[in-house]
Protein backbone atom coordinates (compact mmCIF):
# COMPACT_ATOMS: atom_id res chain seq x y z
CA UNK A 1 0.00 0.00 0.00
CA UNK A 2 1.06 3.54 -0.67
CA UNK A 3 0.94 6.39 1.85
CA UNK A 4 -1.75 8.73 0.49
CA UNK A 5 -3.39 11.79 2.00
CA UNK A 6 -6.37 10.74 4.12
CA UNK A 7 -5.06 7.29 5.04
CA UNK A 8 -5.40 6.28 8.69
CA UNK A 9 -2.06 5.07 10.06
CA UNK A 10 -0.71 3.72 13.33
CA UNK A 11 2.56 5.20 14.59
CA UNK A 12 5.06 2.40 15.17
CA UNK A 13 7.93 4.48 16.58
CA UNK A 14 8.53 7.64 18.55
CA UNK A 15 6.47 9.47 21.14
CA UNK A 16 3.23 8.70 19.28
CA UNK A 17 3.89 4.93 19.18
CA UNK A 18 0.63 2.97 19.04
CA UNK A 19 -1.58 5.98 18.29
CA UNK A 20 -3.77 6.27 15.21
CA UNK A 21 -3.37 9.38 13.08
CA UNK A 22 -4.28 10.61 9.59
CA UNK A 23 -1.88 11.51 6.80
CA UNK A 24 -2.60 15.15 5.96
CA UNK A 25 0.21 15.61 3.42
CA UNK A 26 3.35 14.07 1.97
CA UNK A 27 6.52 15.92 1.00
CA UNK A 28 10.16 15.05 0.32
CA UNK A 29 9.68 11.41 1.31
CA UNK A 30 7.99 12.18 4.64
CA UNK A 31 4.38 11.96 5.77
CA UNK A 32 2.72 14.62 7.91
CA UNK A 33 0.28 13.29 10.51
CA UNK A 34 -2.49 14.81 12.60
CA UNK A 35 -4.88 13.45 15.21
CA UNK A 36 -6.90 16.60 15.89
CA UNK A 37 -5.91 16.66 19.57
CA UNK A 38 -2.19 16.80 20.28
CA UNK A 39 -1.29 17.25 16.62
CA UNK A 40 -3.71 19.64 14.99
CA UNK A 41 -4.33 19.81 11.25
CA UNK A 42 -2.54 23.18 11.18
CA UNK A 43 0.69 21.79 12.69
CA UNK A 44 1.06 18.13 11.69
CA UNK A 45 3.83 15.80 12.85
CA UNK A 46 6.58 15.07 10.29
CA UNK A 47 7.33 11.35 10.26
CA UNK A 48 9.33 8.86 8.22
CA UNK A 49 6.88 6.55 6.39
CA UNK A 50 8.89 3.54 7.63
CA UNK A 51 7.69 4.38 11.14
CA UNK A 52 3.96 4.12 10.41
CA UNK A 53 1.71 1.17 9.65
CA UNK A 54 -0.95 1.88 7.03
CA UNK A 55 -4.56 0.79 7.43
CA UNK A 56 -7.06 0.28 4.63
CA UNK A 57 -9.28 3.10 5.92
CA UNK A 58 -9.22 6.56 4.35
CA UNK A 59 -10.99 9.83 5.11
CA UNK A 60 -11.28 13.18 3.37
CA UNK A 61 -8.77 14.90 5.67
CA UNK A 62 -8.72 18.10 3.64
CA UNK A 63 -12.39 18.83 4.43
CA UNK A 64 -12.31 17.81 8.11
CA UNK A 65 -11.91 20.00 11.17
CA UNK A 66 -9.84 18.99 14.20
CA UNK A 67 -13.03 18.18 16.11
CA UNK A 68 -14.37 15.95 13.30
CA UNK A 69 -11.00 14.21 13.05
CA UNK A 70 -10.91 13.52 16.81
CA UNK A 71 -14.44 12.10 16.66
CA UNK A 72 -13.66 9.90 13.66
CA UNK A 73 -10.47 8.50 15.23
CA UNK A 74 -12.30 7.82 18.51
CA UNK A 75 -14.95 5.84 16.62
CA UNK A 76 -12.26 4.10 14.55
CA UNK A 77 -10.35 2.95 17.64
CA UNK A 78 -13.46 2.10 19.62
CA UNK A 79 -12.95 4.98 22.04
CA UNK A 80 -9.62 3.69 23.38
CA UNK A 81 -7.68 6.88 22.65
């Protein structure tokens, strides 16, 4: 699978390890992730794509707000985050 904007990923390394986030952009071989809570859409986390695990779920991240993103990820994870 390819890392595309809107794909839900799980961080496999770093401070965010184990957390689900959404790819909001890609640039220069890196992915930029947001979760709407600690990492807002306006200031995403830069991460090496090797350090994330892709899921098959995608969302329209460009049209979402931070609040909608938090709600979607909470439903996606079953409220465990």
